[in-house]
Protein backbone atom coordinates (compact mmCIF):
# COMPACT_ATOMS: atom_id res chain seq x y z
CA MET A 1 0.00 0.00 0.00
CA SER A 2 1.52 3.29 -1.08
CA SER A 3 1.82 6.13 1.30
CA GLY A 4 1.46 9.80 0.63
CA THR A 5 0.45 13.12 2.03
CA ILE A 6 -3.14 14.18 1.77
CA GLY A 7 -3.55 17.93 1.75
CA PRO A 8 -6.34 19.81 3.48
CA ALA A 9 -9.74 19.61 1.85
CA SER A 10 -10.70 22.62 -0.28
CA PRO A 11 -13.00 24.97 1.60
CA PRO A 12 -16.57 24.99 0.36
CA PRO A 13 -17.38 27.91 -1.94
CA SER A 14 -18.88 30.95 -0.31
CA VAL A 15 -22.54 31.47 -1.07
CA HIS A 16 -23.77 35.02 -1.63
CA ASP A 17 -27.23 36.08 -0.61
CA VAL A 18 -27.99 37.59 -4.02
CA LEU A 19 -26.30 37.57 -7.41
CA VAL A 20 -27.48 40.18 -9.93
CA VAL A 21 -26.54 39.31 -13.50
CA GLY A 22 -26.36 42.51 -15.55
CA ALA A 23 -25.14 46.00 -14.65
CA GLY A 24 -27.52 47.97 -16.83
CA GLN A 25 -30.35 50.11 -15.52
CA ALA A 26 -32.42 47.07 -14.48
CA GLY A 27 -29.61 45.31 -12.63
CA LEU A 28 -28.28 48.42 -10.89
CA GLY A 29 -31.81 49.48 -9.97
CA ALA A 30 -32.49 46.08 -8.41
CA ALA A 31 -29.16 46.17 -6.52
CA TRP A 32 -29.93 49.65 -5.16
CA TRP A 33 -33.31 48.56 -3.80
CA LEU A 34 -31.89 45.33 -2.39
CA THR A 35 -29.45 47.30 -0.25
CA ARG A 36 -32.26 49.61 0.86
CA LYS A 37 -34.35 46.59 1.85
CA GLY A 38 -31.55 45.41 4.16
CA VAL A 39 -29.98 42.66 2.04
CA ARG A 40 -26.26 43.07 2.69
CA ASP A 41 -24.52 40.39 0.64
CA VAL A 42 -25.24 41.45 -2.94
CA VAL A 43 -22.84 41.06 -5.86
CA VAL A 44 -23.38 42.32 -9.44
CA VAL A 45 -21.65 40.85 -12.49
CA ASP A 46 -21.67 42.04 -16.09
CA ALA A 47 -20.14 40.73 -19.30
CA GLY A 48 -18.79 44.16 -20.23
CA GLU A 49 -18.18 47.50 -18.57
CA VAL A 50 -20.91 49.59 -16.95
CA GLY A 51 -22.55 51.75 -19.61
CA ASP A 52 -21.21 49.72 -22.55
CA SER A 53 -24.67 48.92 -23.88
CA TRP A 54 -25.27 52.65 -24.43
CA LEU A 55 -21.83 53.42 -25.81
CA ARG A 56 -22.29 50.73 -28.46
CA ARG A 57 -25.27 52.60 -29.93
CA TRP A 58 -24.97 55.06 -32.79
CA ASP A 59 -23.00 58.25 -32.17
CA SER A 60 -25.85 60.76 -32.44
CA LEU A 61 -28.34 58.89 -30.26
CA GLN A 62 -30.44 61.08 -27.97
CA LEU A 63 -32.95 59.42 -25.68
CA PHE A 64 -36.58 60.28 -26.32
CA THR A 65 -37.31 60.37 -22.59
CA PRO A 66 -36.57 63.63 -20.71
CA ARG A 67 -33.92 63.62 -17.99
CA ARG A 68 -36.52 63.28 -15.25
CA PHE A 69 -37.71 60.03 -16.86
CA SER A 70 -34.18 58.73 -17.50
CA GLN A 71 -32.89 58.60 -13.94
CA LEU A 72 -32.13 55.49 -11.93
CA PRO A 73 -33.52 54.77 -8.44
CA GLY A 74 -31.91 56.89 -5.77
CA GLY A 75 -30.34 59.48 -8.05
CA ARG A 76 -31.32 62.50 -10.12
CA PHE A 77 -30.17 62.76 -13.71
CA PRO A 78 -27.69 65.66 -14.01
CA ALA A 79 -28.76 68.79 -15.88
CA GLY A 80 -27.43 69.16 -19.40
CA PRO A 81 -27.57 71.25 -22.56
CA THR A 82 -30.48 69.29 -24.07
CA PRO A 83 -33.90 68.30 -22.70
CA THR A 84 -33.09 64.61 -23.20
CA PRO A 85 -29.76 62.91 -22.43
CA SER A 86 -27.29 61.58 -24.96
CA ARG A 87 -26.01 58.01 -25.01
CA THR A 88 -22.73 59.11 -23.39
CA GLU A 89 -24.59 60.94 -20.62
CA MET A 90 -26.68 57.82 -19.98
CA ALA A 91 -23.53 55.69 -19.78
CA GLY A 92 -22.03 58.16 -17.30
CA HIS A 93 -25.20 58.10 -15.19
CA LEU A 94 -24.96 54.32 -14.97
CA ARG A 95 -21.27 54.45 -13.99
CA ASP A 96 -21.95 57.05 -11.29
CA HIS A 97 -24.81 54.95 -9.95
CA ALA A 98 -22.63 51.83 -9.82
CA ALA A 99 -19.96 53.74 -7.89
CA ARG A 100 -22.55 54.83 -5.28
CA LEU A 101 -24.13 51.41 -4.78
CA GLY A 102 -21.81 50.16 -2.08
CA VAL A 103 -21.87 46.59 -3.45
CA PRO A 104 -19.28 44.81 -5.61
CA VAL A 105 -19.79 45.27 -9.36
CA ARG A 106 -17.60 42.81 -11.25
CA THR A 107 -17.26 43.91 -14.87
CA ALA A 108 -15.83 41.84 -17.74
CA THR A 109 -17.38 38.81 -15.99
CA PRO A 110 -19.81 37.08 -18.34
CA VAL A 111 -22.00 34.30 -17.00
CA THR A 112 -21.58 31.43 -19.45
CA ARG A 113 -23.94 29.02 -17.70
CA LEU A 114 -26.42 29.22 -14.85
CA THR A 115 -27.41 25.99 -13.11
CA ARG A 116 -29.16 24.94 -9.93
CA HIS A 117 -27.11 24.17 -6.84
CA PRO A 118 -28.05 22.75 -3.43
CA ASP A 119 -27.61 26.22 -1.94
CA GLY A 120 -29.50 27.98 -4.74
CA SER A 121 -27.83 28.67 -8.09
CA CYS A 122 -24.34 28.47 -9.55
CA ALA A 123 -23.17 30.93 -12.20
CA GLN A 124 -20.15 29.84 -14.22
CA THR A 125 -17.81 32.70 -15.16
CA PRO A 126 -14.25 32.86 -16.58
CA ASP A 127 -13.08 33.70 -13.04
CA GLY A 128 -14.75 30.65 -11.56
CA PRO A 129 -18.21 29.77 -10.21
CA VAL A 130 -20.33 32.22 -8.23
CA HIS A 131 -22.88 30.65 -5.86
CA ALA A 132 -25.94 32.52 -4.63
CA ARG A 133 -29.16 31.76 -2.80
CA GLN A 134 -31.12 34.17 -4.98
CA VAL A 135 -30.38 35.30 -8.56
CA VAL A 136 -31.77 38.34 -10.39
CA LEU A 137 -31.43 38.04 -14.17
CA ALA A 138 -31.21 41.56 -15.60
CA VAL A 139 -29.27 41.06 -18.82
CA GLY A 140 -31.76 42.85 -21.04
CA PRO A 141 -34.44 41.29 -23.23
CA PHE A 142 -32.92 42.06 -26.64
CA THR A 143 -29.34 40.93 -27.12
CA ARG A 144 -29.23 38.95 -30.39
CA PRO A 145 -29.70 40.99 -33.60
CA GLN A 146 -32.67 39.80 -35.63
CA VAL A 147 -32.27 39.79 -39.42
CA PRO A 148 -34.86 38.33 -41.84
CA ALA A 149 -33.91 35.20 -43.76
CA ALA A 150 -34.01 37.31 -46.94
CA ALA A 151 -30.70 38.86 -45.90
CA GLN A 152 -28.95 35.55 -46.68
CA GLN A 153 -30.53 35.46 -50.13
CA LEU A 154 -29.25 38.84 -51.29
CA ASP A 155 -26.33 39.20 -53.66
CA PRO A 156 -23.06 39.49 -51.67
CA ALA A 157 -22.39 42.79 -53.45
CA VAL A 158 -25.27 44.39 -51.54
CA HIS A 159 -23.96 46.19 -48.46
CA GLN A 160 -25.92 45.05 -45.39
CA LEU A 161 -25.74 46.37 -41.85
CA HIS A 162 -27.86 45.75 -38.75
CA SER A 163 -28.73 48.83 -36.68
CA SER A 164 -26.84 47.35 -33.70
CA ARG A 165 -23.61 47.79 -35.69
CA TYR A 166 -24.41 51.20 -37.17
CA ARG A 167 -22.49 54.13 -35.69
CA ARG A 168 -22.55 56.98 -38.23
CA PRO A 169 -23.64 57.73 -41.84
CA ALA A 170 -20.13 56.92 -43.12
CA ASP A 171 -20.83 53.27 -42.24
CA VAL A 172 -23.20 53.15 -45.24
CA PRO A 173 -21.65 53.53 -48.73
CA PRO A 174 -22.72 56.56 -50.81
CA GLY A 175 -25.88 56.19 -52.83
CA PRO A 176 -29.38 54.88 -52.13
CA VAL A 177 -30.04 52.92 -48.95
CA LEU A 178 -33.10 50.95 -47.90
CA VAL A 179 -33.97 51.22 -44.19
CA VAL A 180 -36.09 48.24 -43.16
CA GLY A 181 -38.10 48.61 -39.96
CA ALA A 182 -40.98 50.37 -38.27
CA GLY A 183 -39.61 51.34 -34.86
CA ASN A 184 -37.83 54.32 -33.37
CA SER A 185 -34.39 53.13 -34.47
CA ALA A 186 -35.54 52.94 -38.08
CA ALA A 187 -37.08 56.40 -37.87
CA GLN A 188 -34.08 58.08 -36.25
CA LEU A 189 -31.51 56.46 -38.54
CA ALA A 190 -33.54 57.15 -41.68
CA VAL A 191 -33.68 60.82 -40.72
CA GLU A 192 -29.95 60.94 -40.03
CA LEU A 193 -29.04 59.18 -43.28
CA ALA A 194 -31.34 61.40 -45.33
CA ALA A 195 -28.83 64.26 -44.97
CA THR A 196 -26.22 62.31 -46.95
CA HIS A 197 -28.02 59.46 -48.72
CA GLN A 198 -31.08 58.74 -50.82
CA VAL A 199 -33.25 56.94 -48.26
CA THR A 200 -36.30 54.73 -48.66
CA VAL A 201 -38.01 53.15 -45.65
CA VAL A 202 -39.75 49.80 -45.87
CA ALA A 203 -42.12 49.23 -42.94
CA PRO A 204 -44.80 46.58 -42.39
CA ARG A 205 -47.37 49.13 -41.30
CA GLU A 206 -48.23 52.80 -41.39
CA PRO A 207 -46.39 54.51 -38.52
CA ARG A 208 -48.02 56.16 -35.55
CA PHE A 209 -46.14 59.32 -34.56
CA LEU A 210 -46.03 60.78 -31.06
CA SER A 211 -45.14 64.45 -30.76
CA GLU A 212 -42.33 65.14 -28.31
CA ARG A 213 -44.09 68.12 -26.75
CA ARG A 214 -47.67 69.23 -26.29
CA LEU A 215 -48.54 72.75 -25.15
CA GLY A 216 -44.84 73.30 -24.49
CA VAL A 217 -44.54 70.33 -22.11
CA SER A 218 -42.90 66.95 -22.74
CA VAL A 219 -45.46 64.38 -23.79
CA TYR A 220 -44.14 62.12 -21.02
CA TRP A 221 -45.65 64.40 -18.39
CA TRP A 222 -49.04 64.11 -20.10
CA LEU A 223 -48.66 60.32 -20.26
CA LEU A 224 -47.77 60.26 -16.56
CA LEU A 225 -50.65 62.52 -15.50
CA SER A 226 -53.14 60.53 -17.60
CA GLY A 227 -52.12 57.33 -15.80
CA LEU A 228 -51.00 55.62 -19.01
CA LEU A 229 -47.33 55.21 -18.05
CA ASN A 230 -48.14 53.37 -14.83
CA ALA A 231 -51.04 51.35 -16.19
CA GLY A 232 -50.75 47.65 -15.33
CA SER A 233 -49.46 45.38 -18.08
CA ASP A 234 -52.73 43.42 -18.04
CA SER A 235 -54.97 46.51 -18.03
CA ARG A 236 -57.30 47.36 -20.88
CA VAL A 237 -55.28 50.43 -21.85
CA ALA A 238 -52.05 48.42 -21.90
CA ARG A 239 -53.62 45.80 -24.14
CA GLY A 240 -54.63 48.58 -26.51
CA VAL A 241 -51.10 49.99 -26.60
CA ARG A 242 -49.62 46.58 -27.33
CA ARG A 243 -52.15 45.92 -30.06
CA ARG A 244 -51.32 49.18 -31.85
CA GLY A 245 -47.55 48.78 -31.52
CA ASP A 246 -44.95 51.28 -30.36
CA ALA A 247 -45.32 54.86 -31.50
CA ILE A 248 -42.42 56.70 -33.14
CA GLY A 249 -41.19 59.52 -30.96
CA GLY A 250 -41.07 62.87 -32.76
CA ARG A 251 -42.31 63.86 -36.21
CA ASP A 252 -39.05 64.36 -38.11
CA LEU A 253 -39.59 61.26 -40.25
CA ALA A 254 -43.17 62.30 -41.00
CA ARG A 255 -42.04 65.74 -42.19
CA LEU A 256 -39.28 64.37 -44.43
CA ARG A 257 -41.63 61.76 -45.85
CA ASP A 258 -44.31 64.36 -46.57
CA ASP A 259 -41.71 66.59 -48.27
CA GLY A 260 -40.52 63.73 -50.46
CA ALA A 261 -37.04 63.74 -48.92
CA ILE A 262 -37.51 60.14 -47.75
CA GLY A 263 -39.26 57.45 -49.78
CA TRP A 264 -41.75 55.10 -48.15
CA LEU A 265 -42.97 51.58 -48.93
CA THR A 266 -45.47 49.71 -46.78
CA GLY A 267 -44.91 45.97 -46.78
CA ARG A 268 -43.02 43.08 -45.23
CA VAL A 269 -39.77 41.71 -46.64
CA VAL A 270 -40.42 38.04 -47.40
CA GLY A 271 -37.56 37.10 -49.71
CA ALA A 272 -34.79 38.23 -52.02
CA GLU A 273 -33.20 37.40 -55.31
CA GLY A 274 -30.00 38.89 -56.65
CA ALA A 275 -29.93 42.56 -55.65
CA ALA A 276 -33.67 42.86 -55.03
CA LEU A 277 -35.87 42.34 -51.99
CA ARG A 278 -39.36 40.89 -52.41
CA LEU A 279 -42.28 42.25 -50.41
CA ASP A 280 -45.37 40.37 -49.27
CA ASP A 281 -47.52 41.98 -51.98
CA GLY A 282 -45.25 40.72 -54.77
CA ARG A 283 -43.35 43.94 -55.38
CA THR A 284 -39.58 43.81 -55.73
CA VAL A 285 -37.20 46.57 -54.62
CA GLY A 286 -33.71 46.85 -56.07
CA VAL A 287 -31.10 47.64 -53.44
CA SER A 288 -27.40 48.46 -53.20
CA ALA A 289 -27.35 48.96 -49.42
CA VAL A 290 -29.72 47.83 -46.65
CA LEU A 291 -29.86 48.94 -43.02
CA TRP A 292 -31.80 46.34 -41.07
CA CYS A 293 -33.62 48.05 -38.18
CA THR A 294 -35.46 44.85 -37.38
CA GLY A 295 -34.79 44.60 -33.66
CA SER A 296 -33.14 41.95 -31.55
CA LEU A 297 -34.19 38.77 -29.79
CA PRO A 298 -33.57 37.46 -26.27
CA GLU A 299 -30.54 35.24 -25.80
CA ALA A 300 -30.98 33.13 -22.68
CA GLY A 301 -29.54 29.80 -23.78
CA TRP A 302 -26.97 30.06 -20.99
CA VAL A 303 -29.76 29.72 -18.41
CA ASP A 304 -29.62 25.96 -17.87
CA VAL A 305 -32.32 25.82 -15.21
CA PRO A 306 -35.33 23.51 -15.71
CA GLY A 307 -38.57 25.50 -15.65
CA ALA A 308 -36.93 28.90 -16.20
CA LEU A 309 -37.56 29.14 -19.97
CA ASP A 310 -40.37 28.12 -22.26
CA ASP A 311 -39.98 25.93 -25.36
CA ALA A 312 -38.97 28.98 -27.41
CA GLY A 313 -36.22 29.89 -24.95
CA LEU A 314 -38.08 32.88 -23.52
CA SER A 315 -38.32 33.70 -19.82
CA LEU A 316 -41.20 32.23 -17.85
CA HIS A 317 -42.36 34.63 -15.15
CA ASP A 318 -45.26 36.29 -13.38
CA ARG A 319 -44.41 40.00 -13.03
CA GLY A 320 -40.73 39.07 -12.93
CA ALA A 321 -41.10 36.14 -10.52
CA SER A 322 -39.82 32.90 -12.02
CA PRO A 323 -41.62 29.64 -11.21
CA VAL A 324 -38.15 28.44 -10.15
CA PRO A 325 -37.62 29.34 -6.45
CA GLY A 326 -34.87 31.89 -5.96
CA LEU A 327 -34.86 33.06 -9.59
CA HIS A 328 -36.09 36.50 -10.65
CA TRP A 329 -36.22 38.53 -13.88
CA MET A 330 -35.76 42.28 -14.24
CA GLY A 331 -35.97 44.73 -17.12
CA LEU A 332 -38.49 42.86 -19.27
CA PRO A 333 -40.95 44.79 -21.46
CA TRP A 334 -44.43 44.81 -19.93
CA GLN A 335 -43.04 43.17 -16.80
CA THR A 336 -45.59 44.86 -14.58
CA ARG A 337 -46.68 48.10 -16.28
CA VAL A 338 -46.64 50.03 -19.55
CA ASN A 339 -43.41 51.83 -18.63
CA SER A 340 -41.51 48.72 -17.56
CA SER A 341 -39.63 49.06 -20.85
CA ILE A 342 -38.29 52.56 -20.19
CA ILE A 343 -35.71 53.66 -17.64
CA ASP A 344 -38.25 55.41 -15.44
CA GLY A 345 -40.11 52.13 -15.02
CA VAL A 346 -37.10 50.46 -13.42
CA ASP A 347 -37.81 51.98 -10.00
CA ARG A 348 -41.13 50.29 -9.22
CA ASP A 349 -40.16 46.99 -10.82
CA ALA A 350 -36.85 46.96 -8.92
CA ARG A 351 -38.60 47.75 -5.64
CA ARG A 352 -41.07 44.91 -6.17
CA THR A 353 -38.25 42.51 -7.10
CA ALA A 354 -36.17 43.55 -4.09
CA ARG A 355 -39.04 42.84 -1.70
CA ARG A 356 -39.57 39.40 -3.20
CA VAL A 357 -35.84 38.60 -3.07
CA ARG A 358 -35.52 39.84 0.52
CA ASP A 359 -38.37 37.59 1.61
CA GLY A 360 -36.45 34.62 0.19
CA VAL A 361 -33.21 35.37 2.08
CA PRO A 362 -33.01 33.76 5.54
CA ALA A 363 -33.35 36.31 8.31
CA ARG A 364 -29.86 35.63 9.62
CA GLN A 365 -28.44 36.57 6.21
CA LYS A 366 -30.10 39.99 5.94
């Protein structure tokens, strides 16, 4: 029988009370309320740096929401030269908020897999596993660019770019460009490109425009006073908003379209052949450059927790509460109210989430 020295057993991994995955507005808002609810052992991880998600947007981006409606829980948005903040101001607001939190924020720490563990959950990261009794998933609902299948059918000579990779007009070669999409990104980028390019927009429906100001006051104040912003996600008014689709903020696109400075086609892209896209009514549109403003999809395949996702890989939840004990979602559109999808809506959703998380942490851990 051989002899040898047996070293001391490795200490068991420490288990945090709460792990927040994502250091955007939803994750930082949840962490702020958790500390205010008395939960001490909170750690936040993020795949990038705080504010990166805003800095990766196009250079000229200005939020549609006024500063008052762009602030995170516990802090006022700083005054600035414009009524609404820029993308760089928003990134700075997030960084300042993270610095004030008083909890660890580990950046450049992507979670590659989340699994169940006897003590709760285990998040695998490049720096090793992170164990926690409760986990708040706040990575954002739209992380994987969505491009129609027709994009793969176009001639390789056609320049194609998704809005998530667009930064400035120079990213699009000179000449005509087709902007495909019906949301605010499509509207803002079509307007920007119209100064240097011949722009045509292809949208599946006629847009609904929302003026930025009414009677000299931001439309957001009217929406707040009317009760629309805080209407419950299952309310009659919310169902009506969802049925009609998101409105386009501002009327710049409408003016340029009416003046003939921007072309407009109503229809859905269903296919392509050569250097032409085919619409659902049979029309074909020749293209030399396409900017796909067709949104993004959730990417939650790293959540390897039975019962957390549906068959399509989307989050299962009731107002952010997962059917899996100890698992919570934050920052989802329509999570609890109409304004859950804008920064101002983070506060109430984060407060609700923090109460639910606190109730799941043993009293001795608070």
